[in-house]
Each structure stands twice: as structure tokens, then as C-alpha cells.
Amino acid sequence: MGILFAFLAAAGNAVATVLQRLGVEQSGHAEVGTSSLLLGVIRRPIWSIGLVVMTASFLLQALALSRGTLSSIQPVMVTEIVFLAVIIGGWFHAHLGWRELAGSIGTAAGLGTFLALSAPTGGAASPTATEWVALSAASVLAVGLSLVSARRGSRAWRAASYGVAAAICFAMTAACLKAVTDQWSQGLGVVMTHLQLYGVAAAGAVGLVINQHALNAGPVAASQSAVLTVNPVASIVMGTWLFGDQWPRSESHLISASFGLLVMFVSLVILSGSPLITAAGTGERLSHHRQSAPDPRPGGRV
């Protein structure tokens, strides 16, 4: 059931992305960072609907993490990019080329293989304070090194380095959210007294800021490829380290599951280069991808 909720959350995130991008376009303030952007978008109902959908998706992700392991739920969440390509293609009747088809099919096949053969179980261990401190320190160090790496090099390298840092933050956000869902049965009072609740907000906010830097630093394909590949790997490490996610002992199953994960990563990189995906991640108008059709009205524009 957790996997199903994760797919629904991923689909919801894709819908929210499209709705909020359309809200920005309709507001006439496509330039991110303009002073009137927020005032412009909140007047657009479609942007507000996108915010509601995004909130619902976050709750679905929390529900998924409460029912499944971190190591299985987070790899499913990256299918958001597949749903995004399908939604944009269907909504705007945009052409789906080889990148979209190969990337989507490969992602589905690779993820299915990984989940079927690895089937990580457990995830019920309660991490100690020492484990949380150690993981937090390791994450901060990894993010710091990635940010230092992003200060020089080509635009693609800088975007990818920012993407790695953002991916680690998002994985940490999911780990904290997993802990919060485990604590929820003890009551809100208990949840409020644990730092994981505030870790969700802090790590998520930092990740969003860094991801924006990634989008601005270079090609969207480079930054999103880094996010989509590093996030699941970091989540698997955190799930195994913190929550005791258990893996099959058969070497053949582990090798085959790893191959499935590799296929998924390659497919995600291919899909990240899709013009439909880069349009959703930048200021380019999504409506530019709509295929024009003759207007049946007299004097209508083609």
C-alpha cells in the first residue's frame, strides 16, 4: 500500500508543478525573483489549486513512508518526472519523442525490477540520537563539499553539483518525515518534542533554495539528473543506516536489483534532457509546447 501512495504522491507533485507553472505564466511574471511574483500568482486560482495539490502530495508521501520503507518509497517518488512528461504531453498535445518514450519505459522497467527483486523490508528500527547526529553531520559535510564544488567548473558541472547537494537535502527531509510518521501514533505532543519535525522544515527549505540555484547555474538536464539519481541512493543509505531496512541475502537478487536501479538512473538522465522537462524547470512557457490547430471560427488564427 505504501508504494501505491508513493505513486499517487509523485503524480500529484507533477500535477502541482504544471498548475503552478501555468499560474506564473498567467500572472505575467514568468521571471522568478521579481518583486511582484507572489502577488501576481496568488491571484490566479490555478496556482492556488496547484498549492493545494502539492500539500496533498506531501501528505500522501508521509502516508507512504508510514506504510513502507525509506529505501523503497523514495525511489518511487522520482517517477514524478515521468508523470510530468506524460501530463505535459497530454495537456498541451505536445509531441512525445524518443527521449520521453525511452526514458519513461526504462524508468518503469528499472524501478519495477528493483522493487520486485530487492523488496527492502524492516524499516521499523528507532534511530538513536547518536545515529541522527552522525547522519546529520555526514549529510552536512556532503552538502558542503557539493556546494564548494559548485563554485567553479563548467555550467553543467556547477548545476550538477548543486543538484547533488539538493538531492541529499531532500533525502534528509524524507528521513525526518519517516521518523515523524513513526512518532505520530504517540500523539502530537510527542512529535512536537522531537527535532525530526523541525528537520523536515529545515532540510526541505534548504533543499528548495539549493535546487533553485541548481536551475539557475546551468542546464536543467544536468541538475535534475543529479537530483533524480542521488536522491534515491542517499535515501537507501539513510534507510539502511537509520531504520534498519533489510535486503535480500541472495547475491543474484541484489545484483539484478542493482541493475534495475542502474537502468532506472540511465532512463531518468535521458528523460531529464526532454524539452518538456526543461520547460517545466525554467521560465520557458509551457504553452509554447502546445501543438497549434486551425481555429474553426471565421478569421481564426492558425
C-alpha atoms as a PDB file:
ATOM      1  CA  MET A   1       0.000   0.000   0.000  1.00  0.00           C
ATOM      2  CA  GLY A   2       2.910   2.350   0.710  1.00  0.00           C
ATOM      3  CA  ILE A   3       4.134   2.009  -2.887  1.00  0.00           C
ATOM      4  CA  LEU A   4       0.676   2.980  -4.202  1.00  0.00           C
ATOM      5  CA  PHE A   5       0.597   6.099  -2.025  1.00  0.00           C
ATOM      6  CA  ALA A   6       4.100   6.975  -3.250  1.00  0.00           C
ATOM      7  CA  PHE A   7       3.000   6.759  -6.892  1.00  0.00           C
ATOM      8  CA  LEU A   8      -0.020   8.959  -6.118  1.00  0.00           C
ATOM      9  CA  ALA A   9       2.243  11.468  -4.373  1.00  0.00           C
ATOM     10  CA  ALA A  10       4.627  11.531  -7.346  1.00  0.00           C
ATOM     11  CA  ALA A  11       1.739  12.075  -9.751  1.00  0.00           C
ATOM     12  CA  GLY A  12       0.362  14.825  -7.518  1.00  0.00           C
ATOM     13  CA  ASN A  13       3.726  16.604  -7.479  1.00  0.00           C
ATOM     14  CA  ALA A  14       3.785  16.537 -11.276  1.00  0.00           C
ATOM     15  CA  VAL A  15       0.267  17.987 -11.489  1.00  0.00           C
ATOM     16  CA  ALA A  16       1.179  20.681  -8.958  1.00  0.00           C
ATOM     17  CA  THR A  17       4.265  21.626 -10.977  1.00  0.00           C
ATOM     18  CA  VAL A  18       2.210  22.142 -14.127  1.00  0.00           C
ATOM     19  CA  LEU A  19      -0.564  24.068 -12.356  1.00  0.00           C
ATOM     20  CA  GLN A  20       1.845  26.403 -10.578  1.00  0.00           C
ATOM     21  CA  ARG A  21       3.895  26.983 -13.724  1.00  0.00           C
ATOM     22  CA  LEU A  22       0.689  27.916 -15.569  1.00  0.00           C
ATOM     23  CA  GLY A  23      -0.208  30.236 -12.701  1.00  0.00           C
ATOM     24  CA  VAL A  24       3.143  32.001 -13.055  1.00  0.00           C
ATOM     25  CA  GLU A  25       2.656  32.307 -16.817  1.00  0.00           C
ATOM     26  CA  GLN A  26      -0.860  33.705 -16.476  1.00  0.00           C
ATOM     27  CA  SER A  27       0.306  36.239 -13.901  1.00  0.00           C
ATOM     28  CA  GLY A  28       2.611  37.779 -16.467  1.00  0.00           C
ATOM     29  CA  HIS A  29       5.613  37.434 -14.122  1.00  0.00           C
ATOM     30  CA  ALA A  30       7.477  34.445 -15.502  1.00  0.00           C
ATOM     31  CA  GLU A  31      10.749  35.870 -14.212  1.00  0.00           C
ATOM     32  CA  VAL A  32      11.391  34.105 -10.915  1.00  0.00           C
ATOM     33  CA  GLY A  33      12.519  36.542  -8.261  1.00  0.00           C
ATOM     34  CA  THR A  34      10.589  39.615  -9.398  1.00  0.00           C
ATOM     35  CA  SER A  35       9.118  41.564  -6.507  1.00  0.00           C
ATOM     36  CA  SER A  36       5.553  41.229  -7.730  1.00  0.00           C
ATOM     37  CA  LEU A  37       5.712  37.493  -8.490  1.00  0.00           C
ATOM     38  CA  LEU A  38       3.989  36.322  -5.301  1.00  0.00           C
ATOM     39  CA  LEU A  39       1.241  38.928  -5.507  1.00  0.00           C
ATOM     40  CA  GLY A  40       0.693  38.030  -9.122  1.00  0.00           C
ATOM     41  CA  VAL A  41       0.425  34.278  -8.712  1.00  0.00           C
ATOM     42  CA  ILE A  42      -1.789  34.209  -5.617  1.00  0.00           C
ATOM     43  CA  ARG A  43      -4.458  35.993  -7.643  1.00  0.00           C
ATOM     44  CA  ARG A  44      -4.529  33.087 -10.061  1.00  0.00           C
ATOM     45  CA  PRO A  45      -6.848  30.266  -8.914  1.00  0.00           C
ATOM     46  CA  ILE A  46      -4.873  27.702 -10.902  1.00  0.00           C
ATOM     47  CA  TRP A  47      -1.727  28.466  -8.877  1.00  0.00           C
ATOM     48  CA  SER A  48      -3.659  28.118  -5.616  1.00  0.00           C
ATOM     49  CA  ILE A  49      -5.081  24.807  -6.786  1.00  0.00           C
ATOM     50  CA  GLY A  50      -1.517  23.707  -7.504  1.00  0.00           C
ATOM     51  CA  LEU A  51      -0.540  24.620  -3.948  1.00  0.00           C
ATOM     52  CA  VAL A  52      -3.406  22.526  -2.582  1.00  0.00           C
ATOM     53  CA  VAL A  53      -2.389  19.575  -4.779  1.00  0.00           C
ATOM     54  CA  MET A  54       1.236  19.947  -3.645  1.00  0.00           C
ATOM     55  CA  THR A  55       0.133  19.872   0.001  1.00  0.00           C
ATOM     56  CA  ALA A  56      -1.977  16.783  -0.625  1.00  0.00           C
ATOM     57  CA  SER A  57       1.006  15.125  -2.314  1.00  0.00           C
ATOM     58  CA  PHE A  58       3.186  15.834   0.710  1.00  0.00           C
ATOM     59  CA  LEU A  59       0.600  14.173   2.952  1.00  0.00           C
ATOM     60  CA  LEU A  60       0.456  11.195   0.594  1.00  0.00           C
ATOM     61  CA  GLN A  61       4.242  10.897   0.772  1.00  0.00           C
ATOM     62  CA  ALA A  62       4.047  10.952   4.561  1.00  0.00           C
ATOM     63  CA  LEU A  63       1.377   8.249   4.429  1.00  0.00           C
ATOM     64  CA  ALA A  64       3.550   6.202   2.076  1.00  0.00           C
ATOM     65  CA  LEU A  65       6.540   6.479   4.418  1.00  0.00           C
ATOM     66  CA  SER A  66       4.371   5.384   7.332  1.00  0.00           C
ATOM     67  CA  ARG A  67       3.430   2.219   5.409  1.00  0.00           C
ATOM     68  CA  GLY A  68       6.724   1.434   3.669  1.00  0.00           C
ATOM     69  CA  THR A  69      10.478   1.682   3.982  1.00  0.00           C
ATOM     70  CA  LEU A  70      12.510   4.758   3.108  1.00  0.00           C
ATOM     71  CA  SER A  71      14.575   2.612   0.719  1.00  0.00           C
ATOM     72  CA  SER A  72      11.524   1.652  -1.342  1.00  0.00           C
ATOM     73  CA  ILE A  73       9.384   4.789  -1.151  1.00  0.00           C
ATOM     74  CA  GLN A  74      11.943   7.390  -2.252  1.00  0.00           C
ATOM     75  CA  PRO A  75      12.948   5.603  -5.479  1.00  0.00           C
ATOM     76  CA  VAL A  76       9.244   5.601  -6.395  1.00  0.00           C
ATOM     77  CA  MET A  77       8.976   9.349  -5.763  1.00  0.00           C
ATOM     78  CA  VAL A  78      11.380  10.119  -8.633  1.00  0.00           C
ATOM     79  CA  THR A  79       8.718   8.887 -11.077  1.00  0.00           C
ATOM     80  CA  GLU A  80       7.342  12.410 -10.749  1.00  0.00           C
ATOM     81  CA  ILE A  81       9.387  13.280 -13.832  1.00  0.00           C
ATOM     82  CA  VAL A  82       7.651  10.524 -15.825  1.00  0.00           C
ATOM     83  CA  PHE A  83       4.215  11.772 -14.805  1.00  0.00           C
ATOM     84  CA  LEU A  84       5.356  15.311 -15.642  1.00  0.00           C
ATOM     85  CA  ALA A  85       6.325  14.357 -19.196  1.00  0.00           C
ATOM     86  CA  VAL A  86       3.055  12.465 -19.715  1.00  0.00           C
ATOM     87  CA  ILE A  87       0.917  15.285 -18.284  1.00  0.00           C
ATOM     88  CA  ILE A  88       2.606  17.998 -20.328  1.00  0.00           C
ATOM     89  CA  GLY A  89       2.412  15.846 -23.435  1.00  0.00           C
ATOM     90  CA  GLY A  90      -1.285  15.130 -22.906  1.00  0.00           C
ATOM     91  CA  TRP A  91      -2.328  18.558 -21.613  1.00  0.00           C
ATOM     92  CA  PHE A  92      -0.617  20.544 -24.348  1.00  0.00           C
ATOM     93  CA  HIS A  93      -0.798  17.833 -27.012  1.00  0.00           C
ATOM     94  CA  ALA A  94       2.982  18.099 -27.270  1.00  0.00           C
ATOM     95  CA  HIS A  95       4.932  15.595 -29.283  1.00  0.00           C
ATOM     96  CA  LEU A  96       6.415  12.759 -27.215  1.00  0.00           C
ATOM     97  CA  GLY A  97       9.710  11.824 -28.825  1.00  0.00           C
ATOM     98  CA  TRP A  98      12.233   9.091 -28.206  1.00  0.00           C
ATOM     99  CA  ARG A  99      13.544  10.737 -25.023  1.00  0.00           C
ATOM    100  CA  GLU A 100      10.130  10.762 -23.388  1.00  0.00           C
ATOM    101  CA  LEU A 101       9.218   7.238 -24.509  1.00  0.00           C
ATOM    102  CA  ALA A 102      12.584   5.590 -23.799  1.00  0.00           C
ATOM    103  CA  GLY A 103      13.002   7.458 -20.508  1.00  0.00           C
ATOM    104  CA  SER A 104       9.523   6.606 -19.260  1.00  0.00           C
ATOM    105  CA  ILE A 105       9.607   2.944 -20.287  1.00  0.00           C
ATOM    106  CA  GLY A 106      13.133   2.488 -18.938  1.00  0.00           C
ATOM    107  CA  THR A 107      12.265   4.145 -15.634  1.00  0.00           C
ATOM    108  CA  ALA A 108       9.204   1.954 -15.184  1.00  0.00           C
ATOM    109  CA  ALA A 109      11.085  -1.227 -16.091  1.00  0.00           C
ATOM    110  CA  GLY A 110      14.104  -0.415 -13.932  1.00  0.00           C
ATOM    111  CA  LEU A 111      12.031   0.613 -10.924  1.00  0.00           C
ATOM    112  CA  GLY A 112       9.795  -2.431 -11.244  1.00  0.00           C
ATOM    113  CA  THR A 113      12.825  -4.708 -11.352  1.00  0.00           C
ATOM    114  CA  PHE A 114      14.395  -3.010  -8.339  1.00  0.00           C
ATOM    115  CA  LEU A 115      11.242  -3.222  -6.226  1.00  0.00           C
ATOM    116  CA  ALA A 116      10.407  -6.796  -7.230  1.00  0.00           C
ATOM    117  CA  LEU A 117      13.868  -8.213  -6.571  1.00  0.00           C
ATOM    118  CA  SER A 118      15.064  -6.106  -3.655  1.00  0.00           C
ATOM    119  CA  ALA A 119      11.808  -5.705  -1.714  1.00  0.00           C
ATOM    120  CA  PRO A 120      13.502  -3.975   1.248  1.00  0.00           C
ATOM    121  CA  THR A 121      11.741  -4.859   4.477  1.00  0.00           C
ATOM    122  CA  GLY A 122      12.036  -3.763   8.067  1.00  0.00           C
ATOM    123  CA  GLY A 123      12.387  -0.030   8.437  1.00  0.00           C
ATOM    124  CA  ALA A 124      10.877  -0.188  11.904  1.00  0.00           C
ATOM    125  CA  ALA A 125      14.014   0.484  13.925  1.00  0.00           C
ATOM    126  CA  SER A 126      14.045   3.601  16.104  1.00  0.00           C
ATOM    127  CA  PRO A 127      17.259   5.512  15.388  1.00  0.00           C
ATOM    128  CA  THR A 128      19.246   6.639  18.396  1.00  0.00           C
ATOM    129  CA  ALA A 129      20.259  10.239  18.980  1.00  0.00           C
ATOM    130  CA  THR A 130      23.852   9.283  18.186  1.00  0.00           C
ATOM    131  CA  GLU A 131      22.807   7.861  14.806  1.00  0.00           C
ATOM    132  CA  TRP A 132      20.860  11.012  13.976  1.00  0.00           C
ATOM    133  CA  VAL A 133      23.812  13.223  14.901  1.00  0.00           C
ATOM    134  CA  ALA A 134      26.211  11.096  12.855  1.00  0.00           C
ATOM    135  CA  LEU A 135      23.915  11.080   9.824  1.00  0.00           C
ATOM    136  CA  SER A 136      23.261  14.807  10.082  1.00  0.00           C
ATOM    137  CA  ALA A 137      26.987  15.527  10.281  1.00  0.00           C
ATOM    138  CA  ALA A 138      27.694  13.306   7.271  1.00  0.00           C
ATOM    139  CA  SER A 139      24.885  14.965   5.299  1.00  0.00           C
ATOM    140  CA  VAL A 140      26.045  18.482   6.146  1.00  0.00           C
ATOM    141  CA  LEU A 141      29.592  17.546   5.113  1.00  0.00           C
ATOM    142  CA  ALA A 142      28.410  16.044   1.811  1.00  0.00           C
ATOM    143  CA  VAL A 143      26.215  19.076   1.062  1.00  0.00           C
ATOM    144  CA  GLY A 144      29.072  21.429   1.945  1.00  0.00           C
ATOM    145  CA  LEU A 145      31.519  19.637  -0.348  1.00  0.00           C
ATOM    146  CA  SER A 146      28.976  19.720  -3.171  1.00  0.00           C
ATOM    147  CA  LEU A 147      28.425  23.451  -2.722  1.00  0.00           C
ATOM    148  CA  VAL A 148      32.177  24.081  -2.753  1.00  0.00           C
ATOM    149  CA  SER A 149      32.414  22.005  -5.936  1.00  0.00           C
ATOM    150  CA  ALA A 150      29.662  24.130  -7.487  1.00  0.00           C
ATOM    151  CA  ARG A 151      31.737  27.305  -7.185  1.00  0.00           C
ATOM    152  CA  ARG A 152      33.868  26.517 -10.219  1.00  0.00           C
ATOM    153  CA  GLY A 153      33.842  24.459 -13.381  1.00  0.00           C
ATOM    154  CA  SER A 154      31.540  24.381 -16.386  1.00  0.00           C
ATOM    155  CA  ARG A 155      27.896  25.397 -16.124  1.00  0.00           C
ATOM    156  CA  ALA A 156      26.823  21.746 -16.375  1.00  0.00           C
ATOM    157  CA  TRP A 157      29.247  20.754 -13.594  1.00  0.00           C
ATOM    158  CA  ARG A 158      28.041  23.553 -11.345  1.00  0.00           C
ATOM    159  CA  ALA A 159      24.388  22.685 -11.950  1.00  0.00           C
ATOM    160  CA  ALA A 160      25.056  19.009 -11.232  1.00  0.00           C
ATOM    161  CA  SER A 161      26.973  19.847  -8.035  1.00  0.00           C
ATOM    162  CA  TYR A 162      24.096  21.961  -6.775  1.00  0.00           C
ATOM    163  CA  GLY A 163      21.768  19.115  -7.757  1.00  0.00           C
ATOM    164  CA  VAL A 164      23.740  16.636  -5.632  1.00  0.00           C
ATOM    165  CA  ALA A 165      23.503  18.978  -2.631  1.00  0.00           C
ATOM    166  CA  ALA A 166      19.761  19.445  -3.131  1.00  0.00           C
ATOM    167  CA  ALA A 167      19.225  15.692  -3.502  1.00  0.00           C
ATOM    168  CA  ILE A 168      20.926  14.984  -0.172  1.00  0.00           C
ATOM    169  CA  CYS A 169      18.750  17.628   1.499  1.00  0.00           C
ATOM    170  CA  PHE A 170      15.610  16.081   0.021  1.00  0.00           C
ATOM    171  CA  ALA A 171      16.697  12.614   1.188  1.00  0.00           C
ATOM    172  CA  MET A 172      17.265  14.009   4.681  1.00  0.00           C
ATOM    173  CA  THR A 173      13.813  15.605   4.537  1.00  0.00           C
ATOM    174  CA  ALA A 174      12.269  12.221   3.735  1.00  0.00           C
ATOM    175  CA  ALA A 175      14.236  10.536   6.533  1.00  0.00           C
ATOM    176  CA  CYS A 176      12.974  13.085   9.058  1.00  0.00           C
ATOM    177  CA  LEU A 177       9.443  12.742   7.692  1.00  0.00           C
ATOM    178  CA  LYS A 178       9.681   8.963   8.086  1.00  0.00           C
ATOM    179  CA  ALA A 179      10.616   9.463  11.744  1.00  0.00           C
ATOM    180  CA  VAL A 180       7.711  11.878  12.252  1.00  0.00           C
ATOM    181  CA  THR A 181       5.228   9.353  10.837  1.00  0.00           C
ATOM    182  CA  ASP A 182       6.605   6.710  13.187  1.00  0.00           C
ATOM    183  CA  GLN A 183       6.155   9.080  16.147  1.00  0.00           C
ATOM    184  CA  TRP A 184       2.658  10.170  15.137  1.00  0.00           C
ATOM    185  CA  SER A 185       0.889   7.292  16.886  1.00  0.00           C
ATOM    186  CA  GLN A 186       2.263   8.593  20.204  1.00  0.00           C
ATOM    187  CA  GLY A 187       0.459  11.891  19.802  1.00  0.00           C
ATOM    188  CA  LEU A 188       1.172  15.397  18.563  1.00  0.00           C
ATOM    189  CA  GLY A 189       2.789  16.339  21.847  1.00  0.00           C
ATOM    190  CA  VAL A 190       5.488  13.707  21.387  1.00  0.00           C
ATOM    191  CA  VAL A 191       6.043  14.738  17.767  1.00  0.00           C
ATOM    192  CA  MET A 192       6.481  18.377  18.783  1.00  0.00           C
ATOM    193  CA  THR A 193       9.202  17.479  21.287  1.00  0.00           C
ATOM    194  CA  HIS A 194      11.392  15.705  18.717  1.00  0.00           C
ATOM    195  CA  LEU A 195      13.749  17.540  16.378  1.00  0.00           C
ATOM    196  CA  GLN A 196      12.770  15.465  13.326  1.00  0.00           C
ATOM    197  CA  LEU A 197       9.641  17.573  12.806  1.00  0.00           C
ATOM    198  CA  TYR A 198      11.758  20.698  12.527  1.00  0.00           C
ATOM    199  CA  GLY A 199      14.273  18.789  10.438  1.00  0.00           C
ATOM    200  CA  VAL A 200      11.575  18.252   7.805  1.00  0.00           C
ATOM    201  CA  ALA A 201      11.066  22.021   7.519  1.00  0.00           C
ATOM    202  CA  ALA A 202      14.765  22.938   7.699  1.00  0.00           C
ATOM    203  CA  ALA A 203      16.131  20.321   5.304  1.00  0.00           C
ATOM    204  CA  GLY A 204      13.223  20.835   2.897  1.00  0.00           C
ATOM    205  CA  ALA A 205      13.669  24.618   2.820  1.00  0.00           C
ATOM    206  CA  VAL A 206      17.432  24.376   2.302  1.00  0.00           C
ATOM    207  CA  GLY A 207      16.902  21.794  -0.436  1.00  0.00           C
ATOM    208  CA  LEU A 208      14.439  24.031  -2.279  1.00  0.00           C
ATOM    209  CA  VAL A 209      16.826  27.000  -2.150  1.00  0.00           C
ATOM    210  CA  ILE A 210      19.766  24.932  -3.371  1.00  0.00           C
ATOM    211  CA  ASN A 211      17.643  23.382  -6.118  1.00  0.00           C
ATOM    212  CA  GLN A 212      16.760  26.881  -7.340  1.00  0.00           C
ATOM    213  CA  HIS A 213      20.472  27.665  -7.515  1.00  0.00           C
ATOM    214  CA  ALA A 214      20.916  24.432  -9.481  1.00  0.00           C
ATOM    215  CA  LEU A 215      18.299  25.510 -12.028  1.00  0.00           C
ATOM    216  CA  ASN A 216      19.940  28.911 -12.395  1.00  0.00           C
ATOM    217  CA  ALA A 217      23.526  27.626 -12.541  1.00  0.00           C
ATOM    218  CA  GLY A 218      23.316  25.625 -15.738  1.00  0.00           C
ATOM    219  CA  PRO A 219      21.365  23.141 -17.881  1.00  0.00           C
ATOM    220  CA  VAL A 220      18.240  21.755 -16.256  1.00  0.00           C
ATOM    221  CA  ALA A 221      19.160  18.301 -17.545  1.00  0.00           C
ATOM    222  CA  ALA A 222      22.387  18.352 -15.519  1.00  0.00           C
ATOM    223  CA  SER A 223      20.816  19.484 -12.245  1.00  0.00           C
ATOM    224  CA  GLN A 224      17.750  17.256 -12.468  1.00  0.00           C
ATOM    225  CA  SER A 225      19.805  14.216 -13.459  1.00  0.00           C
ATOM    226  CA  ALA A 226      21.869  14.710 -10.306  1.00  0.00           C
ATOM    227  CA  VAL A 227      18.784  15.145  -8.115  1.00  0.00           C
ATOM    228  CA  LEU A 228      16.974  12.128  -9.556  1.00  0.00           C
ATOM    229  CA  THR A 229      19.924   9.754  -9.218  1.00  0.00           C
ATOM    230  CA  VAL A 230      21.465  10.901  -5.939  1.00  0.00           C
ATOM    231  CA  ASN A 231      18.174  11.246  -4.017  1.00  0.00           C
ATOM    232  CA  PRO A 232      17.230   7.524  -4.178  1.00  0.00           C
ATOM    233  CA  VAL A 233      20.809   6.408  -3.416  1.00  0.00           C
ATOM    234  CA  ALA A 234      21.070   8.752  -0.431  1.00  0.00           C
ATOM    235  CA  SER A 235      17.640   7.608   0.772  1.00  0.00           C
ATOM    236  CA  ILE A 236      18.638   3.946   0.521  1.00  0.00           C
ATOM    237  CA  VAL A 237      21.775   4.649   2.564  1.00  0.00           C
ATOM    238  CA  MET A 238      19.767   6.574   5.170  1.00  0.00           C
ATOM    239  CA  GLY A 239      17.028   3.945   5.303  1.00  0.00           C
ATOM    240  CA  THR A 240      19.552   1.173   5.879  1.00  0.00           C
ATOM    241  CA  TRP A 241      21.609   3.205   8.344  1.00  0.00           C
ATOM    242  CA  LEU A 242      18.822   4.733  10.418  1.00  0.00           C
ATOM    243  CA  PHE A 243      15.791   2.489  10.147  1.00  0.00           C
ATOM    244  CA  GLY A 244      17.359  -0.908   9.581  1.00  0.00           C
ATOM    245  CA  ASP A 245      15.944  -1.538   6.105  1.00  0.00           C
ATOM    246  CA  GLN A 246      16.786  -5.135   5.250  1.00  0.00           C
ATOM    247  CA  TRP A 247      17.798  -6.500   1.855  1.00  0.00           C
ATOM    248  CA  PRO A 248      17.653  -9.987   0.307  1.00  0.00           C
ATOM    249  CA  ARG A 249      20.674 -12.116   1.111  1.00  0.00           C
ATOM    250  CA  SER A 250      20.786 -13.717  -2.329  1.00  0.00           C
ATOM    251  CA  GLU A 251      23.628 -12.211  -4.362  1.00  0.00           C
ATOM    252  CA  SER A 252      21.766 -12.836  -7.612  1.00  0.00           C
ATOM    253  CA  HIS A 253      18.760 -10.871  -6.363  1.00  0.00           C
ATOM    254  CA  LEU A 254      20.931  -7.987  -5.174  1.00  0.00           C
ATOM    255  CA  ILE A 255      22.884  -7.844  -8.442  1.00  0.00           C
ATOM    256  CA  SER A 256      19.706  -7.935 -10.522  1.00  0.00           C
ATOM    257  CA  ALA A 257      18.035  -5.302  -8.310  1.00  0.00           C
ATOM    258  CA  SER A 258      21.112  -3.077  -8.635  1.00  0.00           C
ATOM    259  CA  PHE A 259      20.992  -3.493 -12.410  1.00  0.00           C
ATOM    260  CA  GLY A 260      17.340  -2.441 -12.361  1.00  0.00           C
ATOM    261  CA  LEU A 261      18.277   0.637 -10.365  1.00  0.00           C
ATOM    262  CA  LEU A 262      21.031   1.427 -12.883  1.00  0.00           C
ATOM    263  CA  VAL A 263      18.559   1.123 -15.775  1.00  0.00           C
ATOM    264  CA  MET A 264      16.226   3.490 -13.949  1.00  0.00           C
ATOM    265  CA  PHE A 265      19.000   6.035 -13.402  1.00  0.00           C
ATOM    266  CA  VAL A 266      20.094   5.977 -17.056  1.00  0.00           C
ATOM    267  CA  SER A 267      16.461   6.356 -18.144  1.00  0.00           C
ATOM    268  CA  LEU A 268      15.968   9.298 -15.782  1.00  0.00           C
ATOM    269  CA  VAL A 269      19.044  11.029 -17.209  1.00  0.00           C
ATOM    270  CA  ILE A 270      17.643  10.553 -20.720  1.00  0.00           C
ATOM    271  CA  LEU A 271      14.251  11.874 -19.644  1.00  0.00           C
ATOM    272  CA  SER A 272      15.844  14.876 -17.904  1.00  0.00           C
ATOM    273  CA  GLY A 273      17.045  16.093 -21.296  1.00  0.00           C
ATOM    274  CA  SER A 274      13.498  16.222 -22.675  1.00  0.00           C
ATOM    275  CA  PRO A 275      12.407  19.699 -23.843  1.00  0.00           C
ATOM    276  CA  LEU A 276       9.148  19.140 -21.954  1.00  0.00           C
ATOM    277  CA  ILE A 277      11.018  18.672 -18.677  1.00  0.00           C
ATOM    278  CA  THR A 278      13.396  21.581 -19.203  1.00  0.00           C
ATOM    279  CA  ALA A 279      10.391  23.813 -19.935  1.00  0.00           C
ATOM    280  CA  ALA A 280       8.843  22.886 -16.593  1.00  0.00           C
ATOM    281  CA  GLY A 281      12.057  23.657 -14.738  1.00  0.00           C
ATOM    282  CA  THR A 282      12.802  27.037 -16.269  1.00  0.00           C
ATOM    283  CA  GLY A 283      10.991  30.201 -17.184  1.00  0.00           C
ATOM    284  CA  GLU A 284      10.069  28.892 -20.633  1.00  0.00           C
ATOM    285  CA  ARG A 285       6.341  28.964 -21.211  1.00  0.00           C
ATOM    286  CA  LEU A 286       4.771  25.522 -21.189  1.00  0.00           C
ATOM    287  CA  SER A 287       2.181  26.765 -23.659  1.00  0.00           C
ATOM    288  CA  HIS A 288       4.932  27.008 -26.274  1.00  0.00           C
ATOM    289  CA  HIS A 289       4.802  23.220 -26.493  1.00  0.00           C
ATOM    290  CA  ARG A 290       1.112  23.170 -27.387  1.00  0.00           C
ATOM    291  CA  GLN A 291       0.633  21.959 -30.942  1.00  0.00           C
ATOM    292  CA  SER A 292      -1.293  24.545 -32.901  1.00  0.00           C
ATOM    293  CA  ALA A 293      -4.543  23.554 -34.542  1.00  0.00           C
ATOM    294  CA  PRO A 294      -6.593  25.547 -37.035  1.00  0.00           C
ATOM    295  CA  ASP A 295      -9.208  27.771 -35.394  1.00  0.00           C
ATOM    296  CA  PRO A 296     -12.607  26.818 -36.893  1.00  0.00           C
ATOM    297  CA  ARG A 297     -14.008  30.304 -36.306  1.00  0.00           C
ATOM    298  CA  PRO A 298     -14.040  32.804 -39.190  1.00  0.00           C
ATOM    299  CA  GLY A 299     -10.819  34.761 -39.186  1.00  0.00           C
ATOM    300  CA  GLY A 300      -9.383  32.444 -36.561  1.00  0.00           C
ATOM    301  CA  ARG A 301      -5.589  32.225 -36.253  1.00  0.00           C
ATOM    302  CA  VAL A 302      -3.750  29.076 -37.187  1.00  0.00           C
END
